[in-house]
Amino acid sequence: MYISSWFKKSMNYAKTLGPDEIFILSAKYGLLELEQEIEPYNKTLRSMNSLERKTWASKVLNELSKVVNLKRDEIIFLAGKYYRQYLIPYITHYKIPLEKLGIGKQLKYLKEKNG
């Protein structure tokens, strides 16, 4: 379903980090496992208001807390700020390698990291 150049490069980079798990943050479906199949949709958190994003984040935190320890595990976010904004306050250990990089610089960084 996710086919953009940015997504493919991000996924390749995520795999090089050797994580225990990789999840996808979906504006419509919340937390997705890699093999989970979904129906196409056209929705982003950017188009949601703050209350809608907080509601979405609450759902994701509930789902995430079932598969990781939010206080002990390290979570690496490759998602944009709207996707992590209301999650980060509840996660003790996290990294945001693409933070403060525009899309062009993100693609360059990902290309360099993927070799």
PDB file of N, CA and C in Angstrom:
ATOM      1  N   MET A   1       0.827  -1.199   0.000  1.00  0.00           N
ATOM      2  CA  MET A   1       0.000   0.000   0.000  1.00  0.00           C
ATOM      3  C   MET A   1       0.868   1.257   0.000  1.00  0.00           C
ATOM      4  N   TYR A   2       1.894   1.291   0.836  1.00  0.00           N
ATOM      5  CA  TYR A   2       2.758   2.464   0.920  1.00  0.00           C
ATOM      6  C   TYR A   2       3.867   2.325  -0.120  1.00  0.00           C
ATOM      7  N   ILE A   3       3.857   3.201  -1.127  1.00  0.00           N
ATOM      8  CA  ILE A   3       4.753   3.004  -2.267  1.00  0.00           C
ATOM      9  C   ILE A   3       5.632   4.219  -2.589  1.00  0.00           C
ATOM     10  N   SER A   4       5.528   5.281  -1.833  1.00  0.00           N
ATOM     11  CA  SER A   4       6.315   6.473  -2.148  1.00  0.00           C
ATOM     12  C   SER A   4       7.808   6.196  -1.993  1.00  0.00           C
ATOM     13  N   SER A   5       8.596   6.985  -2.687  1.00  0.00           N
ATOM     14  CA  SER A   5      10.050   6.864  -2.604  1.00  0.00           C
ATOM     15  C   SER A   5      10.509   7.079  -1.165  1.00  0.00           C
ATOM     16  N   TRP A   6       9.948   8.089  -0.503  1.00  0.00           N
ATOM     17  CA  TRP A   6      10.317   8.376   0.883  1.00  0.00           C
ATOM     18  C   TRP A   6      10.019   7.171   1.771  1.00  0.00           C
ATOM     19  N   PHE A   7       8.844   6.577   1.607  1.00  0.00           N
ATOM     20  CA  PHE A   7       8.473   5.440   2.452  1.00  0.00           C
ATOM     21  C   PHE A   7       9.417   4.264   2.218  1.00  0.00           C
ATOM     22  N   LYS A   8       9.706   3.966   0.963  1.00  0.00           N
ATOM     23  CA  LYS A   8      10.595   2.841   0.652  1.00  0.00           C
ATOM     24  C   LYS A   8      11.979   3.056   1.245  1.00  0.00           C
ATOM     25  N   LYS A   9      12.510   4.270   1.104  1.00  0.00           N
ATOM     26  CA  LYS A   9      13.830   4.575   1.659  1.00  0.00           C
ATOM     27  C   LYS A   9      13.800   4.507   3.189  1.00  0.00           C
ATOM     28  N   SER A  10      12.732   4.995   3.789  1.00  0.00           N
ATOM     29  CA  SER A  10      12.591   4.940   5.247  1.00  0.00           C
ATOM     30  C   SER A  10      12.524   3.502   5.740  1.00  0.00           C
ATOM     31  N   MET A  11      11.785   2.678   5.036  1.00  0.00           N
ATOM     32  CA  MET A  11      11.656   1.275   5.423  1.00  0.00           C
ATOM     33  C   MET A  11      13.003   0.564   5.313  1.00  0.00           C
ATOM     34  N   ASN A  12      13.721   0.812   4.231  1.00  0.00           N
ATOM     35  CA  ASN A  12      15.047   0.209   4.072  1.00  0.00           C
ATOM     36  C   ASN A  12      15.980   0.653   5.195  1.00  0.00           C
ATOM     37  N   TYR A  13      15.935   1.937   5.524  1.00  0.00           N
ATOM     38  CA  TYR A  13      16.769   2.462   6.612  1.00  0.00           C
ATOM     39  C   TYR A  13      16.372   1.826   7.940  1.00  0.00           C
ATOM     40  N   ALA A  14      15.095   1.752   8.208  1.00  0.00           N
ATOM     41  CA  ALA A  14      14.617   1.153   9.463  1.00  0.00           C
ATOM     42  C   ALA A  14      15.146  -0.268   9.616  1.00  0.00           C
ATOM     43  N   LYS A  15      15.147  -1.014   8.542  1.00  0.00           N
ATOM     44  CA  LYS A  15      15.636  -2.402   8.595  1.00  0.00           C
ATOM     45  C   LYS A  15      17.128  -2.461   8.893  1.00  0.00           C
ATOM     46  N   THR A  16      17.904  -1.473   8.422  1.00  0.00           N
ATOM     47  CA  THR A  16      19.349  -1.475   8.681  1.00  0.00           C
ATOM     48  C   THR A  16      19.671  -1.227  10.150  1.00  0.00           C
ATOM     49  N   LEU A  17      18.733  -0.690  10.899  1.00  0.00           N
ATOM     50  CA  LEU A  17      18.955  -0.391  12.315  1.00  0.00           C
ATOM     51  C   LEU A  17      18.869  -1.641  13.190  1.00  0.00           C
ATOM     52  N   GLY A  18      18.403  -2.741  12.615  1.00  0.00           N
ATOM     53  CA  GLY A  18      18.312  -4.000  13.355  1.00  0.00           C
ATOM     54  C   GLY A  18      17.306  -3.993  14.494  1.00  0.00           C
ATOM     55  N   PRO A  19      16.141  -3.443  14.273  1.00  0.00           N
ATOM     56  CA  PRO A  19      15.156  -3.366  15.368  1.00  0.00           C
ATOM     57  C   PRO A  19      14.521  -4.725  15.665  1.00  0.00           C
ATOM     58  N   ASP A  20      13.977  -4.835  16.859  1.00  0.00           N
ATOM     59  CA  ASP A  20      13.207  -6.028  17.211  1.00  0.00           C
ATOM     60  C   ASP A  20      11.905  -6.050  16.419  1.00  0.00           C
ATOM     61  N   GLU A  21      11.330  -4.871  16.208  1.00  0.00           N
ATOM     62  CA  GLU A  21      10.055  -4.757  15.490  1.00  0.00           C
ATOM     63  C   GLU A  21      10.027  -3.452  14.711  1.00  0.00           C
ATOM     64  N   ILE A  22       9.270  -3.448  13.623  1.00  0.00           N
ATOM     65  CA  ILE A  22       8.997  -2.227  12.865  1.00  0.00           C
ATOM     66  C   ILE A  22       7.487  -2.114  12.737  1.00  0.00           C
ATOM     67  N   PHE A  23       6.986  -0.923  13.021  1.00  0.00           N
ATOM     68  CA  PHE A  23       5.558  -0.662  12.886  1.00  0.00           C
ATOM     69  C   PHE A  23       5.352   0.530  11.964  1.00  0.00           C
ATOM     70  N   ILE A  24       4.183   0.607  11.395  1.00  0.00           N
ATOM     71  CA  ILE A  24       3.788   1.730  10.556  1.00  0.00           C
ATOM     72  C   ILE A  24       2.706   2.500  11.296  1.00  0.00           C
ATOM     73  N   LEU A  25       2.831   3.825  11.302  1.00  0.00           N
ATOM     74  CA  LEU A  25       1.793   4.672  11.880  1.00  0.00           C
ATOM     75  C   LEU A  25       0.873   5.121  10.758  1.00  0.00           C
ATOM     76  N   SER A  26      -0.379   4.721  10.847  1.00  0.00           N
ATOM     77  CA  SER A  26      -1.368   5.028   9.825  1.00  0.00           C
ATOM     78  C   SER A  26      -2.399   6.012  10.366  1.00  0.00           C
ATOM     79  N   ALA A  27      -2.648   7.063   9.608  1.00  0.00           N
ATOM     80  CA  ALA A  27      -3.638   8.055  10.033  1.00  0.00           C
ATOM     81  C   ALA A  27      -5.025   7.430  10.187  1.00  0.00           C
ATOM     82  N   LYS A  28      -5.337   6.477   9.359  1.00  0.00           N
ATOM     83  CA  LYS A  28      -6.666   5.850   9.414  1.00  0.00           C
ATOM     84  C   LYS A  28      -6.726   4.658  10.362  1.00  0.00           C
ATOM     85  N   TYR A  29      -5.679   3.817  10.344  1.00  0.00           N
ATOM     86  CA  TYR A  29      -5.735   2.549  11.070  1.00  0.00           C
ATOM     87  C   TYR A  29      -4.950   2.523  12.376  1.00  0.00           C
ATOM     88  N   GLY A  30      -4.175   3.543  12.657  1.00  0.00           N
ATOM     89  CA  GLY A  30      -3.387   3.565  13.890  1.00  0.00           C
ATOM     90  C   GLY A  30      -2.067   2.841  13.715  1.00  0.00           C
ATOM     91  N   LEU A  31      -1.769   1.913  14.623  1.00  0.00           N
ATOM     92  CA  LEU A  31      -0.517   1.169  14.595  1.00  0.00           C
ATOM     93  C   LEU A  31      -0.682  -0.078  13.735  1.00  0.00           C
ATOM     94  N   LEU A  32       0.191  -0.214  12.738  1.00  0.00           N
ATOM     95  CA  LEU A  32       0.118  -1.364  11.833  1.00  0.00           C
ATOM     96  C   LEU A  32       1.386  -2.196  11.922  1.00  0.00           C
ATOM     97  N   GLU A  33       1.220  -3.514  11.848  1.00  0.00           N
ATOM     98  CA  GLU A  33       2.359  -4.404  11.704  1.00  0.00           C
ATOM     99  C   GLU A  33       2.690  -4.461  10.216  1.00  0.00           C
ATOM    100  N   LEU A  34       3.941  -4.793   9.898  1.00  0.00           N
ATOM    101  CA  LEU A  34       4.379  -4.751   8.499  1.00  0.00           C
ATOM    102  C   LEU A  34       3.550  -5.624   7.569  1.00  0.00           C
ATOM    103  N   GLU A  35       3.178  -6.793   8.015  1.00  0.00           N
ATOM    104  CA  GLU A  35       2.456  -7.713   7.136  1.00  0.00           C
ATOM    105  C   GLU A  35       0.935  -7.478   7.121  1.00  0.00           C
ATOM    106  N   GLN A  36       0.493  -6.530   7.898  1.00  0.00           N
ATOM    107  CA  GLN A  36      -0.946  -6.247   7.982  1.00  0.00           C
ATOM    108  C   GLN A  36      -1.453  -5.626   6.687  1.00  0.00           C
ATOM    109  N   GLU A  37      -2.498  -6.206   6.120  1.00  0.00           N
ATOM    110  CA  GLU A  37      -3.085  -5.675   4.891  1.00  0.00           C
ATOM    111  C   GLU A  37      -4.226  -4.727   5.228  1.00  0.00           C
ATOM    112  N   ILE A  38      -4.272  -3.616   4.498  1.00  0.00           N
ATOM    113  CA  ILE A  38      -5.301  -2.606   4.729  1.00  0.00           C
ATOM    114  C   ILE A  38      -5.887  -2.156   3.401  1.00  0.00           C
ATOM    115  N   GLU A  39      -7.020  -1.512   3.493  1.00  0.00           N
ATOM    116  CA  GLU A  39      -7.656  -0.923   2.320  1.00  0.00           C
ATOM    117  C   GLU A  39      -7.038   0.451   2.060  1.00  0.00           C
ATOM    118  N   PRO A  40      -6.931   0.843   0.799  1.00  0.00           N
ATOM    119  CA  PRO A  40      -6.402   2.174   0.481  1.00  0.00           C
ATOM    120  C   PRO A  40      -7.258   3.279   1.124  1.00  0.00           C
ATOM    121  N   TYR A  41      -6.591   4.385   1.459  1.00  0.00           N
ATOM    122  CA  TYR A  41      -7.299   5.513   2.055  1.00  0.00           C
ATOM    123  C   TYR A  41      -6.558   6.792   1.730  1.00  0.00           C
ATOM    124  N   ASN A  42      -7.217   7.908   1.933  1.00  0.00           N
ATOM    125  CA  ASN A  42      -6.608   9.212   1.685  1.00  0.00           C
ATOM    126  C   ASN A  42      -6.849  10.079   2.917  1.00  0.00           C
ATOM    127  N   LYS A  43      -5.996   9.900   3.919  1.00  0.00           N
ATOM    128  CA  LYS A  43      -6.150  10.616   5.181  1.00  0.00           C
ATOM    129  C   LYS A  43      -4.770  10.814   5.777  1.00  0.00           C
ATOM    130  N   THR A  44      -4.517  12.002   6.324  1.00  0.00           N
ATOM    131  CA  THR A  44      -3.248  12.264   7.003  1.00  0.00           C
ATOM    132  C   THR A  44      -3.525  12.973   8.319  1.00  0.00           C
ATOM    133  N   LEU A  45      -2.582  12.906   9.222  1.00  0.00           N
ATOM    134  CA  LEU A  45      -2.739  13.631  10.479  1.00  0.00           C
ATOM    135  C   LEU A  45      -2.617  15.129  10.262  1.00  0.00           C
ATOM    136  N   ARG A  46      -1.911  15.519   9.224  1.00  0.00           N
ATOM    137  CA  ARG A  46      -1.761  16.949   8.901  1.00  0.00           C
ATOM    138  C   ARG A  46      -3.124  17.608   8.682  1.00  0.00           C
ATOM    139  N   SER A  47      -4.074  16.851   8.148  1.00  0.00           N
ATOM    140  CA  SER A  47      -5.400  17.401   7.868  1.00  0.00           C
ATOM    141  C   SER A  47      -6.336  17.344   9.074  1.00  0.00           C
ATOM    142  N   MET A  48      -5.878  16.755  10.175  1.00  0.00           N
ATOM    143  CA  MET A  48      -6.708  16.654  11.382  1.00  0.00           C
ATOM    144  C   MET A  48      -6.430  17.819  12.326  1.00  0.00           C
ATOM    145  N   ASN A  49      -7.428  18.147  13.135  1.00  0.00           N
ATOM    146  CA  ASN A  49      -7.200  19.177  14.144  1.00  0.00           C
ATOM    147  C   ASN A  49      -6.531  18.540  15.368  1.00  0.00           C
ATOM    148  N   SER A  50      -6.151  19.368  16.313  1.00  0.00           N
ATOM    149  CA  SER A  50      -5.403  18.913  17.482  1.00  0.00           C
ATOM    150  C   SER A  50      -6.159  17.844  18.281  1.00  0.00           C
ATOM    151  N   LEU A  51      -7.439  18.031  18.487  1.00  0.00           N
ATOM    152  CA  LEU A  51      -8.231  17.056  19.241  1.00  0.00           C
ATOM    153  C   LEU A  51      -8.280  15.707  18.519  1.00  0.00           C
ATOM    154  N   GLU A  52      -8.436  15.727  17.199  1.00  0.00           N
ATOM    155  CA  GLU A  52      -8.443  14.480  16.419  1.00  0.00           C
ATOM    156  C   GLU A  52      -7.089  13.778  16.498  1.00  0.00           C
ATOM    157  N   ARG A  53      -6.001  14.563  16.455  1.00  0.00           N
ATOM    158  CA  ARG A  53      -4.666  13.964  16.565  1.00  0.00           C
ATOM    159  C   ARG A  53      -4.439  13.382  17.957  1.00  0.00           C
ATOM    160  N   LYS A  54      -4.939  14.051  18.988  1.00  0.00           N
ATOM    161  CA  LYS A  54      -4.808  13.522  20.350  1.00  0.00           C
ATOM    162  C   LYS A  54      -5.593  12.223  20.508  1.00  0.00           C
ATOM    163  N   THR A  55      -6.763  12.153  19.923  1.00  0.00           N
ATOM    164  CA  THR A  55      -7.580  10.937  19.970  1.00  0.00           C
ATOM    165  C   THR A  55      -6.870   9.808  19.232  1.00  0.00           C
ATOM    166  N   TRP A  56      -6.318  10.120  18.060  1.00  0.00           N
ATOM    167  CA  TRP A  56      -5.553   9.135  17.290  1.00  0.00           C
ATOM    168  C   TRP A  56      -4.362   8.639  18.104  1.00  0.00           C
ATOM    169  N   ALA A  57      -3.617   9.565  18.722  1.00  0.00           N
ATOM    170  CA  ALA A  57      -2.433   9.208  19.506  1.00  0.00           C
ATOM    171  C   ALA A  57      -2.800   8.322  20.692  1.00  0.00           C
ATOM    172  N   SER A  58      -3.922   8.600  21.322  1.00  0.00           N
ATOM    173  CA  SER A  58      -4.376   7.775  22.447  1.00  0.00           C
ATOM    174  C   SER A  58      -4.615   6.335  21.999  1.00  0.00           C
ATOM    175  N   LYS A  59      -5.231   6.186  20.848  1.00  0.00           N
ATOM    176  CA  LYS A  59      -5.468   4.853  20.282  1.00  0.00           C
ATOM    177  C   LYS A  59      -4.139   4.153  19.981  1.00  0.00           C
ATOM    178  N   VAL A  60      -3.216   4.875  19.361  1.00  0.00           N
ATOM    179  CA  VAL A  60      -1.913   4.300  19.013  1.00  0.00           C
ATOM    180  C   VAL A  60      -1.139   3.919  20.271  1.00  0.00           C
ATOM    181  N   LEU A  61      -1.156   4.781  21.295  1.00  0.00           N
ATOM    182  CA  LEU A  61      -0.455   4.474  22.541  1.00  0.00           C
ATOM    183  C   LEU A  61      -1.019   3.215  23.190  1.00  0.00           C
ATOM    184  N   ASN A  62      -2.328   3.065  23.141  1.00  0.00           N
ATOM    185  CA  ASN A  62      -2.964   1.864  23.679  1.00  0.00           C
ATOM    186  C   ASN A  62      -2.480   0.626  22.922  1.00  0.00           C
ATOM    187  N   GLU A  63      -2.457   0.709  21.600  1.00  0.00           N
ATOM    188  CA  GLU A  63      -2.007  -0.420  20.779  1.00  0.00           C
ATOM    189  C   GLU A  63      -0.513  -0.682  20.988  1.00  0.00           C
ATOM    190  N   LEU A  64       0.273   0.382  21.038  1.00  0.00           N
ATOM    191  CA  LEU A  64       1.717   0.264  21.195  1.00  0.00           C
ATOM    192  C   LEU A  64       2.090  -0.345  22.546  1.00  0.00           C
ATOM    193  N   SER A  65       1.361   0.049  23.578  1.00  0.00           N
ATOM    194  CA  SER A  65       1.677  -0.451  24.923  1.00  0.00           C
ATOM    195  C   SER A  65       1.448  -1.959  25.056  1.00  0.00           C
ATOM    196  N   LYS A  66       0.737  -2.539  24.124  1.00  0.00           N
ATOM    197  CA  LYS A  66       0.511  -3.994  24.133  1.00  0.00           C
ATOM    198  C   LYS A  66       1.692  -4.761  23.534  1.00  0.00           C
ATOM    199  N   VAL A  67       2.551  -4.068  22.772  1.00  0.00           N
ATOM    200  CA  VAL A  67       3.645  -4.757  22.076  1.00  0.00           C
ATOM    201  C   VAL A  67       5.038  -4.250  22.458  1.00  0.00           C
ATOM    202  N   VAL A  68       5.126  -3.113  23.145  1.00  0.00           N
ATOM    203  CA  VAL A  68       6.413  -2.599  23.622  1.00  0.00           C
ATOM    204  C   VAL A  68       6.233  -2.024  25.024  1.00  0.00           C
ATOM    205  N   ASN A  69       7.350  -1.833  25.704  1.00  0.00           N
ATOM    206  CA  ASN A  69       7.329  -1.184  27.002  1.00  0.00           C
ATOM    207  C   ASN A  69       7.650   0.293  26.784  1.00  0.00           C
ATOM    208  N   LEU A  70       6.675   1.154  26.949  1.00  0.00           N
ATOM    209  CA  LEU A  70       6.828   2.578  26.646  1.00  0.00           C
ATOM    210  C   LEU A  70       7.851   3.267  27.545  1.00  0.00           C
ATOM    211  N   LYS A  71       8.139   2.696  28.704  1.00  0.00           N
ATOM    212  CA  LYS A  71       9.103   3.289  29.645  1.00  0.00           C
ATOM    213  C   LYS A  71      10.506   2.721  29.479  1.00  0.00           C
ATOM    214  N   ARG A  72      10.620   1.518  28.944  1.00  0.00           N
ATOM    215  CA  ARG A  72      11.919   0.854  28.891  1.00  0.00           C
ATOM    216  C   ARG A  72      12.495   0.716  27.478  1.00  0.00           C
ATOM    217  N   ASP A  73      11.659   0.436  26.501  1.00  0.00           N
ATOM    218  CA  ASP A  73      12.131   0.208  25.130  1.00  0.00           C
ATOM    219  C   ASP A  73      12.470   1.521  24.432  1.00  0.00           C
ATOM    220  N   GLU A  74      13.460   1.449  23.539  1.00  0.00           N
ATOM    221  CA  GLU A  74      13.790   2.615  22.725  1.00  0.00           C
ATOM    222  C   GLU A  74      12.987   2.550  21.432  1.00  0.00           C
ATOM    223  N   ILE A  75      12.381   3.661  21.091  1.00  0.00           N
ATOM    224  CA  ILE A  75      11.574   3.746  19.873  1.00  0.00           C
ATOM    225  C   ILE A  75      12.211   4.783  18.958  1.00  0.00           C
ATOM    226  N   ILE A  76      12.406   4.390  17.712  1.00  0.00           N
ATOM    227  CA  ILE A  76      12.978   5.297  16.722  1.00  0.00           C
ATOM    228  C   ILE A  76      11.863   5.719  15.779  1.00  0.00           C
ATOM    229  N   PHE A  77      11.610   7.010  15.740  1.00  0.00           N
ATOM    230  CA  PHE A  77      10.558   7.562  14.893  1.00  0.00           C
ATOM    231  C   PHE A  77      11.137   8.050  13.576  1.00  0.00           C
ATOM    232  N   LEU A  78      10.597   7.548  12.491  1.00  0.00           N
ATOM    233  CA  LEU A  78      10.912   8.091  11.173  1.00  0.00           C
ATOM    234  C   LEU A  78       9.709   8.860  10.635  1.00  0.00           C
ATOM    235  N   ALA A  79       8.668   8.920  11.418  1.00  0.00           N
ATOM    236  CA  ALA A  79       7.426   9.597  11.038  1.00  0.00           C
ATOM    237  C   ALA A  79       7.534  11.102  11.276  1.00  0.00           C
ATOM    238  N   GLY A  80       6.675  11.840  10.594  1.00  0.00           N
ATOM    239  CA  GLY A  80       6.630  13.291  10.735  1.00  0.00           C
ATOM    240  C   GLY A  80       6.119  13.740  12.092  1.00  0.00           C
ATOM    241  N   LYS A  81       6.252  15.037  12.348  1.00  0.00           N
ATOM    242  CA  LYS A  81       5.941  15.575  13.678  1.00  0.00           C
ATOM    243  C   LYS A  81       4.493  15.356  14.106  1.00  0.00           C
ATOM    244  N   TYR A  82       3.543  15.442  13.188  1.00  0.00           N
ATOM    245  CA  TYR A  82       2.151  15.242  13.594  1.00  0.00           C
ATOM    246  C   TYR A  82       1.906  13.810  14.051  1.00  0.00           C
ATOM    247  N   TYR A  83       2.685  12.870  13.548  1.00  0.00           N
ATOM    248  CA  TYR A  83       2.519  11.467  13.899  1.00  0.00           C
ATOM    249  C   TYR A  83       3.176  11.116  15.236  1.00  0.00           C
ATOM    250  N   ARG A  84       4.137  11.917  15.647  1.00  0.00           N
ATOM    251  CA  ARG A  84       4.823  11.610  16.905  1.00  0.00           C
ATOM    252  C   ARG A  84       4.510  12.615  18.015  1.00  0.00           C
ATOM    253  N   GLN A  85       3.942  13.737  17.669  1.00  0.00           N
ATOM    254  CA  GLN A  85       3.698  14.857  18.575  1.00  0.00           C
ATOM    255  C   GLN A  85       3.060  14.468  19.906  1.00  0.00           C
ATOM    256  N   TYR A  86       1.992  13.707  19.879  1.00  0.00           N
ATOM    257  CA  TYR A  86       1.282  13.356  21.111  1.00  0.00           C
ATOM    258  C   TYR A  86       1.642  11.954  21.613  1.00  0.00           C
ATOM    259  N   LEU A  87       2.609  11.311  20.947  1.00  0.00           N
ATOM    260  CA  LEU A  87       3.098  10.014  21.413  1.00  0.00           C
ATOM    261  C   LEU A  87       4.323  10.191  22.310  1.00  0.00           C
ATOM    262  N   ILE A  88       5.218  11.068  21.909  1.00  0.00           N
ATOM    263  CA  ILE A  88       6.504  11.236  22.584  1.00  0.00           C
ATOM    264  C   ILE A  88       6.391  11.536  24.084  1.00  0.00           C
ATOM    265  N   PRO A  89       5.444  12.333  24.534  1.00  0.00           N
ATOM    266  CA  PRO A  89       5.377  12.587  25.974  1.00  0.00           C
ATOM    267  C   PRO A  89       5.191  11.317  26.825  1.00  0.00           C
ATOM    268  N   TYR A  90       4.775  10.235  26.214  1.00  0.00           N
ATOM    269  CA  TYR A  90       4.517   8.993  26.945  1.00  0.00           C
ATOM    270  C   TYR A  90       5.610   7.944  26.746  1.00  0.00           C
ATOM    271  N   ILE A  91       6.627   8.297  25.977  1.00  0.00           N
ATOM    272  CA  ILE A  91       7.706   7.361  25.665  1.00  0.00           C
ATOM    273  C   ILE A  91       8.995   7.898  26.276  1.00  0.00           C
ATOM    274  N   THR A  92       9.652   7.077  27.090  1.00  0.00           N
ATOM    275  CA  THR A  92      10.840   7.521  27.807  1.00  0.00           C
ATOM    276  C   THR A  92      12.078   7.586  26.920  1.00  0.00           C
ATOM    277  N   HIS A  93      12.303   6.558  26.114  1.00  0.00           N
ATOM    278  CA  HIS A  93      13.522   6.489  25.297  1.00  0.00           C
ATOM    279  C   HIS A  93      13.152   6.497  23.821  1.00  0.00           C
ATOM    280  N   TYR A  94      13.555   7.546  23.137  1.00  0.00           N
ATOM    281  CA  TYR A  94      13.245   7.636  21.711  1.00  0.00           C
ATOM    282  C   TYR A  94      14.317   8.428  20.982  1.00  0.00           C
ATOM    283  N   LYS A  95      14.365   8.202  19.670  1.00  0.00           N
ATOM    284  CA  LYS A  95      15.245   8.956  18.775  1.00  0.00           C
ATOM    285  C   LYS A  95      14.426   9.388  17.570  1.00  0.00           C
ATOM    286  N   ILE A  96      14.821  10.529  16.999  1.00  0.00           N
ATOM    287  CA  ILE A  96      14.153  11.056  15.810  1.00  0.00           C
ATOM    288  C   ILE A  96      15.238  11.474  14.826  1.00  0.00           C
ATOM    289  N   PRO A  97      15.796  10.519  14.076  1.00  0.00           N
ATOM    290  CA  PRO A  97      16.925  10.837  13.199  1.00  0.00           C
ATOM    291  C   PRO A  97      16.628  11.869  12.111  1.00  0.00           C
ATOM    292  N   LEU A  98      15.383  11.994  11.680  1.00  0.00           N
ATOM    293  CA  LEU A  98      15.047  12.903  10.584  1.00  0.00           C
ATOM    294  C   LEU A  98      14.478  14.238  11.073  1.00  0.00           C
ATOM    295  N   GLU A  99      14.484  14.426  12.388  1.00  0.00           N
ATOM    296  CA  GLU A  99      13.911  15.640  12.958  1.00  0.00           C
ATOM    297  C   GLU A  99      14.603  16.877  12.398  1.00  0.00           C
ATOM    298  N   LYS A 100      13.834  17.872  12.103  1.00  0.00           N
ATOM    299  CA  LYS A 100      14.306  19.174  11.608  1.00  0.00           C
ATOM    300  C   LYS A 100      14.910  19.120  10.208  1.00  0.00           C
ATOM    301  N   LEU A 101      14.684  18.033   9.485  1.00  0.00           N
ATOM    302  CA  LEU A 101      15.137  17.953   8.094  1.00  0.00           C
ATOM    303  C   LEU A 101      13.933  18.086   7.173  1.00  0.00           C
ATOM    304  N   GLY A 102      14.034  18.937   6.175  1.00  0.00           N
ATOM    305  CA  GLY A 102      12.981  19.025   5.164  1.00  0.00           C
ATOM    306  C   GLY A 102      12.961  17.738   4.348  1.00  0.00           C
ATOM    307  N   ILE A 103      11.954  17.563   3.537  1.00  0.00           N
ATOM    308  CA  ILE A 103      11.795  16.309   2.789  1.00  0.00           C
ATOM    309  C   ILE A 103      12.987  16.023   1.883  1.00  0.00           C
ATOM    310  N   GLY A 104      13.528  17.041   1.242  1.00  0.00           N
ATOM    311  CA  GLY A 104      14.693  16.841   0.376  1.00  0.00           C
ATOM    312  C   GLY A 104      15.904  16.350   1.157  1.00  0.00           C
ATOM    313  N   LYS A 105      16.154  16.951   2.316  1.00  0.00           N
ATOM    314  CA  LYS A 105      17.282  16.532   3.158  1.00  0.00           C
ATOM    315  C   LYS A 105      17.026  15.159   3.777  1.00  0.00           C
ATOM    316  N   GLN A 106      15.763  14.851   4.064  1.00  0.00           N
ATOM    317  CA  GLN A 106      15.435  13.512   4.564  1.00  0.00           C
ATOM    318  C   GLN A 106      15.779  12.464   3.515  1.00  0.00           C
ATOM    319  N   LEU A 107      15.371  12.709   2.273  1.00  0.00           N
ATOM    320  CA  LEU A 107      15.654  11.761   1.197  1.00  0.00           C
ATOM    321  C   LEU A 107      17.163  11.600   0.998  1.00  0.00           C
ATOM    322  N   LYS A 108      17.891  12.693   1.077  1.00  0.00           N
ATOM    323  CA  LYS A 108      19.348  12.626   0.944  1.00  0.00           C
ATOM    324  C   LYS A 108      19.943  11.799   2.079  1.00  0.00           C
ATOM    325  N   TYR A 109      19.520  12.068   3.304  1.00  0.00           N
ATOM    326  CA  TYR A 109      20.004  11.328   4.486  1.00  0.00           C
ATOM    327  C   TYR A 109      19.713   9.846   4.346  1.00  0.00           C
ATOM    328  N   LEU A 110      18.484   9.519   3.963  1.00  0.00           N
ATOM    329  CA  LEU A 110      18.087   8.115   3.808  1.00  0.00           C
ATOM    330  C   LEU A 110      18.878   7.434   2.701  1.00  0.00           C
ATOM    331  N   LYS A 111      19.117   8.142   1.614  1.00  0.00           N
ATOM    332  CA  LYS A 111      19.901   7.578   0.512  1.00  0.00           C
ATOM    333  C   LYS A 111      21.320   7.281   0.976  1.00  0.00           C
ATOM    334  N   GLU A 112      21.908   8.226   1.725  1.00  0.00           N
ATOM    335  CA  GLU A 112      23.263   8.026   2.237  1.00  0.00           C
ATOM    336  C   GLU A 112      23.319   6.847   3.215  1.00  0.00           C
ATOM    337  N   LYS A 113      22.337   6.726   4.066  1.00  0.00           N
ATOM    338  CA  LYS A 113      22.320   5.662   5.068  1.00  0.00           C
ATOM    339  C   LYS A 113      22.046   4.284   4.443  1.00  0.00           C
ATOM    340  N   ASN A 114      21.310   4.282   3.353  1.00  0.00           N
ATOM    341  CA  ASN A 114      20.969   3.006   2.691  1.00  0.00           C
ATOM    342  C   ASN A 114      22.063   2.547   1.741  1.00  0.00           C
ATOM    343  N   GLY A 115      23.038   3.408   1.465  1.00  0.00           N
ATOM    344  CA  GLY A 115      24.145   3.019   0.596  1.00  0.00           C
ATOM    345  C   GLY A 115      23.835   3.077  -0.867  1.00  0.00           C
TER     346      GLY A 115
END
